[in-house]
Each structure stands twice: as C-alpha cells, then as structure tokens.
C-alpha cells in the first residue's frame, strides 16, 4: 500500500527537515556505548540540535533503550505520522 501523499505533506509541515553542522567528535565517541558507530553521529546531531524527538526507519539500532538513554522519544515514520492524525 503506498504511503498517502497528504500524510507526507502533514509530516513535512509538522517536522520540516533541518540541516545542522556535523556533530562533535567527542560527543560521538561518548555515545559508542549506547549505539553503534555508524548511527552515533545521527544520535549526537539530534541531541545537539535540541530535537524533541527523532524519526527513523532504523528500529534495529534506535531502540527504546537508546531513547531512554538520550531522554527523548524515537519514532518510526509510521508512528510519528499516526501521532499527527
């Protein structure tokens, strides 16, 4: 089933993409005990940008335990869109 276009526009209106600088290398290193090295920069960028939440399709690495450790929720795209409805 294709993703309904109106949900996509609602998502982009509610949470427009934000381009931020590369995260601090020391902060990335500190999070290696929480998440794998490939995903640590993404998590640090979310923290350093002051994100209220993180939306990702990578539920394998961005687990509930990771969300607990950083103090903000991590949603799949479908979960986030469902919250907007």
N, C-alpha and C. Protein backbone atom coordinates (compact mmCIF):
# COMPACT_ATOMS: atom_id res chain seq x y z
N UNK A 1 0.84 -1.18 0.00
CA UNK A 1 0.00 0.00 0.00
C UNK A 1 0.89 1.25 0.00
N UNK A 2 0.70 2.14 -0.95
CA UNK A 2 1.52 3.35 -0.97
C UNK A 2 1.20 4.27 0.20
N UNK A 3 2.20 5.03 0.57
CA UNK A 3 2.04 5.99 1.67
C UNK A 3 1.18 7.15 1.16
N UNK A 4 0.07 7.47 1.85
CA UNK A 4 -0.81 8.55 1.38
C UNK A 4 -0.07 9.89 1.34
N UNK A 5 -0.17 10.54 0.21
CA UNK A 5 0.55 11.79 -0.02
C UNK A 5 0.20 12.86 1.01
N UNK A 6 -1.06 12.96 1.41
CA UNK A 6 -1.44 14.01 2.36
C UNK A 6 -0.77 13.79 3.72
N UNK A 7 -0.49 12.55 4.09
CA UNK A 7 0.24 12.30 5.33
C UNK A 7 1.68 12.78 5.22
N UNK A 8 2.26 12.59 4.05
CA UNK A 8 3.63 13.04 3.84
C UNK A 8 3.72 14.56 3.98
N UNK A 9 2.79 15.27 3.37
CA UNK A 9 2.79 16.74 3.47
C UNK A 9 2.53 17.19 4.90
N UNK A 10 1.65 16.49 5.59
CA UNK A 10 1.40 16.81 7.00
C UNK A 10 2.67 16.62 7.81
N UNK A 11 3.37 15.53 7.56
CA UNK A 11 4.63 15.25 8.25
C UNK A 11 5.65 16.35 8.00
N UNK A 12 5.83 16.73 6.74
CA UNK A 12 6.83 17.75 6.42
C UNK A 12 6.46 19.12 6.97
N UNK A 13 5.18 19.40 7.06
CA UNK A 13 4.75 20.67 7.64
C UNK A 13 4.99 20.68 9.14
N UNK A 14 4.69 19.58 9.80
CA UNK A 14 4.84 19.49 11.26
C UNK A 14 6.30 19.37 11.68
N UNK A 15 7.10 18.73 10.86
CA UNK A 15 8.50 18.49 11.23
C UNK A 15 9.39 18.67 10.01
N UNK A 16 9.59 19.91 9.58
CA UNK A 16 10.42 20.12 8.39
C UNK A 16 11.85 19.67 8.63
N UNK A 17 12.50 19.16 7.59
CA UNK A 17 13.90 18.75 7.74
C UNK A 17 14.77 19.94 8.16
N UNK A 18 15.78 19.64 8.94
CA UNK A 18 16.69 20.68 9.41
C UNK A 18 18.12 20.23 9.13
N UNK A 19 18.88 21.05 8.47
CA UNK A 19 20.28 20.75 8.20
C UNK A 19 21.11 21.40 9.29
N UNK A 20 21.95 20.59 9.94
CA UNK A 20 22.77 21.10 11.05
C UNK A 20 24.23 20.72 10.80
N UNK A 21 25.17 21.36 11.50
CA UNK A 21 26.58 21.02 11.32
C UNK A 21 26.88 19.59 11.77
N UNK A 22 28.01 19.07 11.29
CA UNK A 22 28.45 17.75 11.75
C UNK A 22 28.58 17.76 13.27
N UNK A 23 28.22 16.65 13.91
CA UNK A 23 28.28 16.60 15.37
C UNK A 23 29.72 16.58 15.90
N UNK A 24 29.86 16.95 17.15
CA UNK A 24 31.13 16.98 17.86
C UNK A 24 31.69 15.56 17.97
N UNK A 25 32.95 15.35 17.57
CA UNK A 25 33.57 14.02 17.57
C UNK A 25 33.65 13.43 18.97
N UNK A 26 33.92 14.25 19.97
CA UNK A 26 33.99 13.73 21.34
C UNK A 26 32.63 13.22 21.81
N UNK A 27 31.59 13.95 21.45
CA UNK A 27 30.24 13.53 21.82
C UNK A 27 29.88 12.22 21.13
N UNK A 28 30.28 12.08 19.88
CA UNK A 28 30.05 10.83 19.16
C UNK A 28 30.75 9.69 19.88
N UNK A 29 31.98 9.88 20.27
CA UNK A 29 32.74 8.85 20.97
C UNK A 29 32.05 8.45 22.28
N UNK A 30 31.51 9.42 23.00
CA UNK A 30 30.84 9.12 24.27
C UNK A 30 29.60 8.26 24.09
N UNK A 31 28.97 8.33 22.94
CA UNK A 31 27.75 7.55 22.73
C UNK A 31 27.99 6.17 22.15
N UNK A 32 29.24 5.81 21.93
CA UNK A 32 29.52 4.49 21.35
C UNK A 32 29.10 3.35 22.25
N UNK A 33 28.93 3.62 23.53
CA UNK A 33 28.43 2.57 24.43
C UNK A 33 26.91 2.43 24.36
N UNK A 34 26.26 3.39 23.72
CA UNK A 34 24.80 3.40 23.63
C UNK A 34 24.30 2.89 22.28
N UNK A 35 25.06 3.21 21.22
CA UNK A 35 24.61 2.89 19.86
C UNK A 35 25.83 2.61 18.99
N UNK A 36 25.63 1.94 17.87
CA UNK A 36 26.77 1.56 17.03
C UNK A 36 27.44 2.79 16.40
N UNK A 37 28.69 2.65 15.98
CA UNK A 37 29.46 3.80 15.48
C UNK A 37 28.86 4.49 14.25
N UNK A 38 28.18 3.74 13.41
CA UNK A 38 27.58 4.34 12.22
C UNK A 38 26.43 5.27 12.58
N UNK A 39 25.68 4.92 13.61
CA UNK A 39 24.50 5.70 13.98
C UNK A 39 24.76 6.74 15.06
N UNK A 40 25.89 6.65 15.73
CA UNK A 40 26.20 7.59 16.81
C UNK A 40 26.19 9.05 16.33
N UNK A 41 26.76 9.38 15.16
CA UNK A 41 26.71 10.79 14.73
C UNK A 41 25.28 11.31 14.53
N UNK A 42 24.39 10.46 14.07
CA UNK A 42 23.00 10.87 13.88
C UNK A 42 22.36 11.16 15.23
N UNK A 43 22.61 10.29 16.19
CA UNK A 43 22.05 10.49 17.52
C UNK A 43 22.61 11.75 18.17
N UNK A 44 23.90 11.98 18.05
CA UNK A 44 24.52 13.18 18.61
C UNK A 44 23.96 14.43 17.93
N UNK A 45 23.78 14.38 16.63
CA UNK A 45 23.21 15.53 15.92
C UNK A 45 21.82 15.86 16.45
N UNK A 46 21.03 14.83 16.72
CA UNK A 46 19.69 15.06 17.28
C UNK A 46 19.79 15.70 18.66
N UNK A 47 20.72 15.22 19.48
CA UNK A 47 20.91 15.77 20.82
C UNK A 47 21.37 17.22 20.73
N UNK A 48 22.41 17.47 19.93
CA UNK A 48 22.99 18.81 19.84
C UNK A 48 22.04 19.83 19.20
N UNK A 49 21.10 19.36 18.39
CA UNK A 49 20.16 20.28 17.75
C UNK A 49 18.98 20.61 18.67
N UNK A 50 18.90 19.90 19.80
CA UNK A 50 17.79 20.13 20.71
C UNK A 50 16.49 19.51 20.23
N UNK A 51 16.60 18.40 19.51
CA UNK A 51 15.42 17.74 18.96
C UNK A 51 14.46 17.31 20.07
N UNK A 52 13.17 17.43 19.78
CA UNK A 52 12.14 16.95 20.70
C UNK A 52 11.96 15.45 20.56
N UNK A 53 12.28 14.93 19.38
CA UNK A 53 12.18 13.51 19.11
C UNK A 53 13.03 13.22 17.88
N UNK A 54 13.18 11.94 17.57
CA UNK A 54 13.92 11.51 16.39
C UNK A 54 13.01 10.56 15.62
N UNK A 55 12.91 10.77 14.32
CA UNK A 55 12.11 9.89 13.46
C UNK A 55 13.08 9.15 12.55
N UNK A 56 13.04 7.83 12.61
CA UNK A 56 13.95 7.00 11.82
C UNK A 56 13.29 5.67 11.47
N UNK A 57 13.68 5.14 10.35
CA UNK A 57 13.22 3.81 9.97
C UNK A 57 14.12 2.71 10.51
N UNK A 58 15.15 3.08 11.27
CA UNK A 58 16.13 2.13 11.78
C UNK A 58 15.79 1.72 13.21
N UNK A 59 14.78 0.88 13.36
CA UNK A 59 14.41 0.42 14.71
C UNK A 59 15.38 -0.63 15.24
N UNK A 60 16.21 -1.16 14.37
CA UNK A 60 17.19 -2.16 14.81
C UNK A 60 18.23 -1.53 15.75
N UNK A 61 18.68 -0.33 15.44
CA UNK A 61 19.71 0.32 16.25
C UNK A 61 19.15 1.41 17.16
N UNK A 62 18.10 2.08 16.73
CA UNK A 62 17.50 3.15 17.54
C UNK A 62 16.36 2.54 18.36
N UNK A 63 16.75 1.86 19.41
CA UNK A 63 15.84 1.07 20.24
C UNK A 63 15.22 1.91 21.36
N UNK A 64 14.22 1.36 22.05
CA UNK A 64 13.68 2.05 23.23
C UNK A 64 14.75 2.34 24.28
N UNK A 65 15.73 1.46 24.42
CA UNK A 65 16.81 1.69 25.39
C UNK A 65 17.64 2.91 24.99
N UNK A 66 17.86 3.10 23.70
CA UNK A 66 18.59 4.28 23.22
C UNK A 66 17.77 5.53 23.52
N UNK A 67 16.47 5.48 23.25
CA UNK A 67 15.61 6.63 23.54
C UNK A 67 15.65 6.98 25.02
N UNK A 68 15.62 5.99 25.87
CA UNK A 68 15.69 6.23 27.31
C UNK A 68 17.00 6.89 27.68
N UNK A 69 18.09 6.45 27.08
CA UNK A 69 19.40 6.99 27.44
C UNK A 69 19.58 8.43 26.99
N UNK A 70 18.90 8.86 25.94
CA UNK A 70 19.07 10.24 25.46
C UNK A 70 17.96 11.17 25.93
N UNK A 71 16.89 10.61 26.45
CA UNK A 71 15.85 11.45 27.06
C UNK A 71 14.81 12.03 26.12
N UNK A 72 14.72 11.52 24.90
CA UNK A 72 13.62 11.93 24.02
C UNK A 72 13.16 10.72 23.22
N UNK A 73 11.90 10.74 22.78
CA UNK A 73 11.36 9.57 22.08
C UNK A 73 11.95 9.40 20.69
N UNK A 74 11.99 8.15 20.26
CA UNK A 74 12.43 7.80 18.91
C UNK A 74 11.26 7.06 18.26
N UNK A 75 10.79 7.59 17.13
CA UNK A 75 9.63 7.04 16.44
C UNK A 75 10.00 6.51 15.07
N UNK A 76 9.26 5.51 14.61
CA UNK A 76 9.32 5.14 13.20
C UNK A 76 8.51 6.20 12.45
N UNK A 77 8.71 6.33 11.14
CA UNK A 77 7.89 7.29 10.40
C UNK A 77 6.39 7.04 10.57
N UNK A 78 5.98 5.78 10.55
CA UNK A 78 4.55 5.47 10.71
C UNK A 78 4.05 5.87 12.09
N UNK A 79 4.84 5.63 13.13
CA UNK A 79 4.44 6.04 14.48
C UNK A 79 4.29 7.55 14.58
N UNK A 80 5.22 8.27 13.97
CA UNK A 80 5.16 9.72 14.04
C UNK A 80 3.95 10.27 13.30
N UNK A 81 3.71 9.75 12.11
CA UNK A 81 2.55 10.20 11.33
C UNK A 81 1.26 9.88 12.07
N UNK A 82 1.19 8.71 12.71
CA UNK A 82 0.00 8.35 13.48
C UNK A 82 -0.26 9.34 14.60
N UNK A 83 0.79 9.87 15.18
CA UNK A 83 0.63 10.87 16.25
C UNK A 83 0.08 12.18 15.71
N UNK A 84 0.30 12.45 14.43
CA UNK A 84 -0.18 13.69 13.82
C UNK A 84 -1.66 13.62 13.46
N UNK A 85 -2.15 12.40 13.29
CA UNK A 85 -3.55 12.22 12.84
C UNK A 85 -4.54 12.60 13.91
